[in-house]
N, C-alpha and C. Protein backbone atom coordinates (compact mmCIF):
# COMPACT_ATOMS: atom_id res chain seq x y z
N MET A 1 -36.79 -24.39 -56.20
CA MET A 1 -35.75 -23.42 -56.05
C MET A 1 -34.51 -23.91 -56.79
N SER A 2 -33.91 -22.98 -57.47
CA SER A 2 -32.73 -23.37 -58.23
C SER A 2 -31.51 -23.41 -57.30
N GLN A 3 -30.47 -23.97 -57.86
CA GLN A 3 -29.25 -24.11 -57.08
C GLN A 3 -28.67 -22.73 -56.72
N ILE A 4 -28.77 -21.75 -57.59
CA ILE A 4 -28.27 -20.40 -57.32
C ILE A 4 -29.10 -19.76 -56.22
N GLU A 5 -30.38 -19.92 -56.28
CA GLU A 5 -31.25 -19.36 -55.24
C GLU A 5 -30.95 -20.00 -53.89
N THR A 6 -30.73 -21.30 -53.88
CA THR A 6 -30.41 -22.01 -52.65
C THR A 6 -29.06 -21.53 -52.10
N SER A 7 -28.10 -21.38 -52.98
CA SER A 7 -26.78 -20.89 -52.56
C SER A 7 -26.88 -19.48 -51.99
N ASN A 8 -27.67 -18.64 -52.65
CA ASN A 8 -27.86 -17.27 -52.16
C ASN A 8 -28.57 -17.27 -50.81
N ALA A 9 -29.54 -18.12 -50.61
CA ALA A 9 -30.27 -18.20 -49.34
C ALA A 9 -29.33 -18.66 -48.23
N ILE A 10 -28.49 -19.65 -48.55
CA ILE A 10 -27.52 -20.13 -47.56
C ILE A 10 -26.51 -19.02 -47.24
N ALA A 11 -26.03 -18.33 -48.25
CA ALA A 11 -25.07 -17.24 -48.05
C ALA A 11 -25.69 -16.13 -47.22
N ASP A 12 -26.96 -15.80 -47.51
CA ASP A 12 -27.65 -14.77 -46.73
C ASP A 12 -27.79 -15.20 -45.28
N SER A 13 -28.12 -16.46 -45.05
CA SER A 13 -28.27 -16.98 -43.69
C SER A 13 -26.93 -16.93 -42.94
N ILE A 14 -25.87 -17.35 -43.63
CA ILE A 14 -24.53 -17.34 -43.01
C ILE A 14 -24.10 -15.90 -42.74
N SER A 15 -24.37 -14.99 -43.66
CA SER A 15 -24.01 -13.58 -43.47
C SER A 15 -24.74 -12.98 -42.28
N THR A 16 -26.03 -13.32 -42.14
CA THR A 16 -26.82 -12.82 -41.02
C THR A 16 -26.26 -13.37 -39.70
N GLN A 17 -25.93 -14.66 -39.67
CA GLN A 17 -25.35 -15.27 -38.46
C GLN A 17 -23.99 -14.63 -38.14
N TYR A 18 -23.20 -14.44 -39.18
CA TYR A 18 -21.88 -13.84 -39.01
C TYR A 18 -22.00 -12.42 -38.46
N ALA A 19 -22.94 -11.64 -39.02
CA ALA A 19 -23.15 -10.26 -38.55
C ALA A 19 -23.62 -10.25 -37.10
N SER A 20 -24.47 -11.19 -36.73
CA SER A 20 -24.95 -11.28 -35.35
C SER A 20 -23.80 -11.61 -34.40
N ILE A 21 -22.97 -12.54 -34.81
CA ILE A 21 -21.81 -12.91 -33.98
C ILE A 21 -20.85 -11.73 -33.84
N MET A 22 -20.62 -11.02 -34.93
CA MET A 22 -19.72 -9.86 -34.89
C MET A 22 -20.30 -8.76 -34.01
N ASP A 23 -21.62 -8.53 -34.06
CA ASP A 23 -22.25 -7.55 -33.18
C ASP A 23 -22.03 -7.94 -31.71
N SER A 24 -22.21 -9.23 -31.40
CA SER A 24 -21.99 -9.70 -30.02
C SER A 24 -20.53 -9.51 -29.61
N LEU A 25 -19.63 -9.78 -30.53
CA LEU A 25 -18.21 -9.62 -30.25
C LEU A 25 -17.85 -8.15 -30.01
N ILE A 26 -18.41 -7.27 -30.82
CA ILE A 26 -18.17 -5.83 -30.65
C ILE A 26 -18.70 -5.35 -29.30
N GLU A 27 -19.89 -5.81 -28.92
CA GLU A 27 -20.47 -5.45 -27.61
C GLU A 27 -19.58 -5.95 -26.47
N ALA A 28 -19.09 -7.18 -26.60
CA ALA A 28 -18.21 -7.74 -25.57
C ALA A 28 -16.91 -6.93 -25.47
N CYS A 29 -16.35 -6.54 -26.59
CA CYS A 29 -15.13 -5.73 -26.59
C CYS A 29 -15.38 -4.37 -25.95
N ASN A 30 -16.53 -3.77 -26.24
CA ASN A 30 -16.87 -2.49 -25.63
C ASN A 30 -17.00 -2.61 -24.11
N ARG A 31 -17.64 -3.70 -23.65
CA ARG A 31 -17.75 -3.93 -22.20
C ARG A 31 -16.37 -4.11 -21.58
N LEU A 32 -15.49 -4.84 -22.26
CA LEU A 32 -14.13 -5.04 -21.75
C LEU A 32 -13.37 -3.72 -21.69
N GLU A 33 -13.53 -2.87 -22.70
CA GLU A 33 -12.86 -1.57 -22.69
C GLU A 33 -13.36 -0.72 -21.53
N GLU A 34 -14.67 -0.73 -21.27
CA GLU A 34 -15.23 0.02 -20.15
C GLU A 34 -14.72 -0.52 -18.82
N THR A 35 -14.69 -1.85 -18.70
CA THR A 35 -14.17 -2.47 -17.48
C THR A 35 -12.70 -2.14 -17.30
N ASN A 36 -11.95 -2.19 -18.37
CA ASN A 36 -10.52 -1.87 -18.30
C ASN A 36 -10.32 -0.42 -17.88
N ALA A 37 -11.12 0.49 -18.43
CA ALA A 37 -10.99 1.91 -18.07
C ALA A 37 -11.29 2.11 -16.58
N ALA A 38 -12.32 1.40 -16.07
CA ALA A 38 -12.64 1.51 -14.65
C ALA A 38 -11.51 0.96 -13.79
N LEU A 39 -10.93 -0.17 -14.21
CA LEU A 39 -9.81 -0.75 -13.45
C LEU A 39 -8.58 0.14 -13.48
N VAL A 40 -8.33 0.77 -14.61
CA VAL A 40 -7.19 1.69 -14.71
C VAL A 40 -7.41 2.88 -13.77
N ALA A 41 -8.64 3.39 -13.72
CA ALA A 41 -8.93 4.51 -12.82
C ALA A 41 -8.73 4.09 -11.36
N GLU A 42 -9.21 2.89 -10.99
CA GLU A 42 -9.01 2.39 -9.63
C GLU A 42 -7.52 2.21 -9.33
N ARG A 43 -6.77 1.69 -10.29
CA ARG A 43 -5.33 1.51 -10.11
C ARG A 43 -4.65 2.85 -9.89
N ASP A 44 -5.04 3.86 -10.66
CA ASP A 44 -4.43 5.17 -10.52
C ASP A 44 -4.72 5.76 -9.14
N ILE A 45 -5.94 5.58 -8.66
CA ILE A 45 -6.29 6.05 -7.31
C ILE A 45 -5.46 5.32 -6.27
N ALA A 46 -5.37 3.99 -6.40
CA ALA A 46 -4.58 3.20 -5.45
C ALA A 46 -3.11 3.58 -5.49
N ASN A 47 -2.57 3.84 -6.68
CA ASN A 47 -1.17 4.26 -6.79
C ASN A 47 -0.96 5.62 -6.13
N GLY A 48 -1.91 6.51 -6.29
CA GLY A 48 -1.81 7.83 -5.64
C GLY A 48 -1.82 7.69 -4.12
N GLU A 49 -2.71 6.83 -3.60
CA GLU A 49 -2.76 6.59 -2.16
C GLU A 49 -1.46 5.96 -1.67
N ARG A 50 -0.93 5.02 -2.47
CA ARG A 50 0.34 4.38 -2.11
C ARG A 50 1.47 5.40 -2.06
N ASP A 51 1.51 6.28 -3.05
CA ASP A 51 2.57 7.30 -3.10
C ASP A 51 2.47 8.24 -1.90
N ARG A 52 1.24 8.63 -1.52
CA ARG A 52 1.07 9.49 -0.35
C ARG A 52 1.51 8.74 0.92
N ALA A 53 1.18 7.45 1.01
CA ALA A 53 1.59 6.66 2.17
C ALA A 53 3.10 6.53 2.25
N ILE A 54 3.76 6.41 1.10
CA ILE A 54 5.22 6.32 1.08
C ILE A 54 5.83 7.61 1.60
N VAL A 55 5.28 8.74 1.17
CA VAL A 55 5.79 10.04 1.63
C VAL A 55 5.60 10.17 3.14
N GLU A 56 4.41 9.78 3.63
CA GLU A 56 4.14 9.85 5.07
C GLU A 56 5.06 8.90 5.83
N ARG A 57 5.27 7.69 5.30
CA ARG A 57 6.15 6.72 5.95
C ARG A 57 7.57 7.25 6.04
N ASP A 58 8.05 7.81 4.94
CA ASP A 58 9.41 8.34 4.93
C ASP A 58 9.55 9.51 5.91
N ALA A 59 8.52 10.35 5.98
CA ALA A 59 8.55 11.45 6.95
C ALA A 59 8.54 10.91 8.37
N ALA A 60 7.75 9.87 8.61
CA ALA A 60 7.70 9.28 9.95
C ALA A 60 9.03 8.63 10.31
N ARG A 61 9.68 8.00 9.33
CA ARG A 61 10.99 7.41 9.59
C ARG A 61 12.00 8.47 9.98
N GLN A 62 11.89 9.63 9.36
CA GLN A 62 12.78 10.73 9.70
C GLN A 62 12.34 11.38 11.01
N GLY A 63 11.10 11.09 11.41
CA GLY A 63 10.59 11.62 12.67
C GLY A 63 10.12 13.04 12.60
N VAL A 64 10.03 13.60 11.44
CA VAL A 64 9.62 14.99 11.30
C VAL A 64 8.44 15.05 10.33
N ILE A 65 7.34 15.58 10.81
CA ILE A 65 6.18 15.78 9.96
C ILE A 65 5.83 17.26 10.05
N GLY A 66 6.01 17.94 8.96
CA GLY A 66 5.83 19.40 8.96
C GLY A 66 6.93 20.01 9.81
N ASP A 67 6.55 20.82 10.79
CA ASP A 67 7.51 21.47 11.69
C ASP A 67 7.68 20.71 13.00
N VAL A 68 6.99 19.59 13.17
CA VAL A 68 7.01 18.85 14.43
C VAL A 68 7.98 17.68 14.34
N ASP A 69 8.89 17.59 15.31
CA ASP A 69 9.84 16.48 15.39
C ASP A 69 9.28 15.45 16.36
N PHE A 70 8.98 14.27 15.86
CA PHE A 70 8.38 13.21 16.67
C PHE A 70 9.41 12.20 17.17
N ARG A 71 10.69 12.51 17.00
CA ARG A 71 11.72 11.55 17.37
C ARG A 71 12.12 11.70 18.83
N SER A 72 12.63 10.59 19.36
CA SER A 72 13.21 10.60 20.69
C SER A 72 14.40 9.65 20.66
N TYR A 73 15.37 9.89 21.52
CA TYR A 73 16.63 9.16 21.50
C TYR A 73 16.61 8.01 22.51
N CYS A 74 16.94 6.82 22.04
CA CYS A 74 17.09 5.67 22.93
C CYS A 74 18.57 5.60 23.33
N GLU A 75 18.83 5.78 24.61
CA GLU A 75 20.21 5.76 25.08
C GLU A 75 20.80 4.36 25.10
N CYS A 76 19.95 3.33 25.11
CA CYS A 76 20.45 1.94 25.12
C CYS A 76 21.09 1.56 23.79
N CYS A 77 20.42 1.85 22.70
CA CYS A 77 20.92 1.44 21.38
C CYS A 77 21.45 2.61 20.56
N SER A 78 21.36 3.83 21.12
CA SER A 78 21.85 5.04 20.45
C SER A 78 21.18 5.29 19.10
N LYS A 79 19.87 5.04 19.03
CA LYS A 79 19.11 5.29 17.80
C LYS A 79 17.94 6.22 18.09
N MET A 80 17.50 6.89 17.03
CA MET A 80 16.32 7.74 17.13
C MET A 80 15.09 6.91 16.74
N TRP A 81 14.04 7.06 17.54
CA TRP A 81 12.78 6.34 17.31
C TRP A 81 11.64 7.34 17.45
N HIS A 82 10.45 6.91 17.05
CA HIS A 82 9.27 7.73 17.29
C HIS A 82 9.13 7.93 18.80
N ARG A 83 8.75 9.12 19.18
CA ARG A 83 8.75 9.44 20.61
C ARG A 83 7.81 8.56 21.44
N GLU A 84 6.78 7.98 20.81
CA GLU A 84 5.89 7.09 21.54
C GLU A 84 6.48 5.69 21.70
N TYR A 85 7.61 5.44 21.05
CA TYR A 85 8.27 4.14 21.11
C TYR A 85 9.42 4.14 22.13
N VAL A 86 9.75 5.32 22.68
CA VAL A 86 10.85 5.46 23.64
C VAL A 86 10.27 5.88 24.99
N THR A 87 10.74 5.23 26.04
CA THR A 87 10.31 5.56 27.40
C THR A 87 11.51 6.13 28.16
N TRP A 88 11.26 7.21 28.87
CA TRP A 88 12.30 7.84 29.71
C TRP A 88 12.03 7.47 31.16
N PHE A 89 13.11 7.30 31.94
CA PHE A 89 12.99 6.83 33.31
C PHE A 89 13.57 7.86 34.29
N GLN A 90 13.05 7.82 35.53
CA GLN A 90 13.47 8.77 36.56
C GLN A 90 14.91 8.54 36.99
N ARG A 91 15.29 7.28 37.14
CA ARG A 91 16.64 6.95 37.58
C ARG A 91 17.40 6.26 36.46
N PRO A 92 18.69 6.51 36.35
CA PRO A 92 19.48 5.82 35.33
C PRO A 92 19.62 4.33 35.64
N PHE A 93 19.80 3.57 34.60
CA PHE A 93 20.03 2.12 34.72
C PHE A 93 21.15 1.76 33.77
N GLN A 94 21.72 0.59 33.95
CA GLN A 94 22.80 0.16 33.07
C GLN A 94 22.27 -0.79 32.01
N ASN A 95 22.69 -0.55 30.76
CA ASN A 95 22.31 -1.47 29.70
C ASN A 95 23.29 -2.64 29.65
N ARG A 96 23.16 -3.50 28.66
CA ARG A 96 24.00 -4.71 28.57
C ARG A 96 25.50 -4.43 28.50
N VAL A 97 25.87 -3.31 27.89
CA VAL A 97 27.29 -3.00 27.75
C VAL A 97 27.80 -2.15 28.91
N GLY A 98 26.95 -1.89 29.90
CA GLY A 98 27.38 -1.16 31.09
C GLY A 98 27.22 0.34 31.03
N ALA A 99 26.64 0.86 29.98
CA ALA A 99 26.43 2.31 29.87
C ALA A 99 25.24 2.73 30.71
N SER A 100 25.32 3.90 31.30
CA SER A 100 24.23 4.45 32.08
C SER A 100 23.20 5.06 31.13
N CYS A 101 21.95 4.65 31.28
CA CYS A 101 20.88 5.09 30.36
C CYS A 101 19.68 5.60 31.14
N ASN A 102 19.00 6.55 30.56
CA ASN A 102 17.74 7.04 31.11
C ASN A 102 16.56 6.78 30.19
N SER A 103 16.82 6.24 29.00
CA SER A 103 15.73 5.97 28.06
C SER A 103 15.94 4.63 27.38
N ALA A 104 14.82 4.03 26.95
CA ALA A 104 14.88 2.76 26.23
C ALA A 104 13.73 2.69 25.24
N CYS A 105 14.05 2.17 24.05
CA CYS A 105 13.01 1.96 23.04
C CYS A 105 12.35 0.60 23.30
N GLY A 106 11.38 0.26 22.48
CA GLY A 106 10.69 -1.02 22.64
C GLY A 106 11.62 -2.21 22.49
N VAL A 107 12.62 -2.10 21.62
CA VAL A 107 13.57 -3.19 21.40
C VAL A 107 14.45 -3.37 22.63
N CYS A 108 14.87 -2.29 23.24
CA CYS A 108 15.80 -2.32 24.37
C CYS A 108 15.09 -2.41 25.72
N PHE A 109 13.78 -2.42 25.73
CA PHE A 109 13.03 -2.33 26.97
C PHE A 109 13.32 -3.50 27.91
N GLU A 110 13.72 -4.64 27.38
CA GLU A 110 14.02 -5.79 28.23
C GLU A 110 15.26 -5.55 29.09
N GLN A 111 16.07 -4.55 28.77
CA GLN A 111 17.27 -4.24 29.54
C GLN A 111 16.95 -3.37 30.76
N VAL A 112 15.74 -2.86 30.83
CA VAL A 112 15.34 -1.98 31.92
C VAL A 112 14.98 -2.82 33.14
N PRO A 113 15.55 -2.52 34.33
CA PRO A 113 15.18 -3.26 35.53
C PRO A 113 13.70 -3.11 35.84
N ILE A 114 13.14 -4.12 36.45
CA ILE A 114 11.70 -4.15 36.72
C ILE A 114 11.27 -3.01 37.64
N ASP A 115 12.12 -2.61 38.56
CA ASP A 115 11.74 -1.59 39.54
C ASP A 115 11.81 -0.17 39.01
N GLN A 116 12.18 0.04 37.78
CA GLN A 116 12.26 1.39 37.20
C GLN A 116 10.87 1.94 36.94
N GLU A 117 10.73 3.23 37.25
CA GLU A 117 9.47 3.89 36.98
C GLU A 117 9.66 4.94 35.89
N PRO A 118 8.79 4.91 34.90
CA PRO A 118 8.93 5.89 33.80
C PRO A 118 8.59 7.30 34.29
N LEU A 119 9.08 8.28 33.56
CA LEU A 119 8.74 9.68 33.86
C LEU A 119 7.30 9.94 33.57
């Protein structure tokens, strides 16, 4: 075999190896693009769920969901809370500052005398 033939054989071998490597690289890039597209779709779904949860949270903080008001007033701290977080009592009691109260939230509940019975 002449030197030109040998050089051509080596070049052909290197070209074939190079083409094989490039095919593998293209396949890997395609798999990465597909994986990225799937992750983007999952992220978009998660962001949508997060946004809906934020809207629900903000509505719950305001205590109004649709036409229903879920708030109740804590007379101890003078704040509005979710109605399941506030307890109303049959008899008034005095809070720490001496005000007469009939309701207490979870935070203020320690100010309620033990003998009080809820409504």
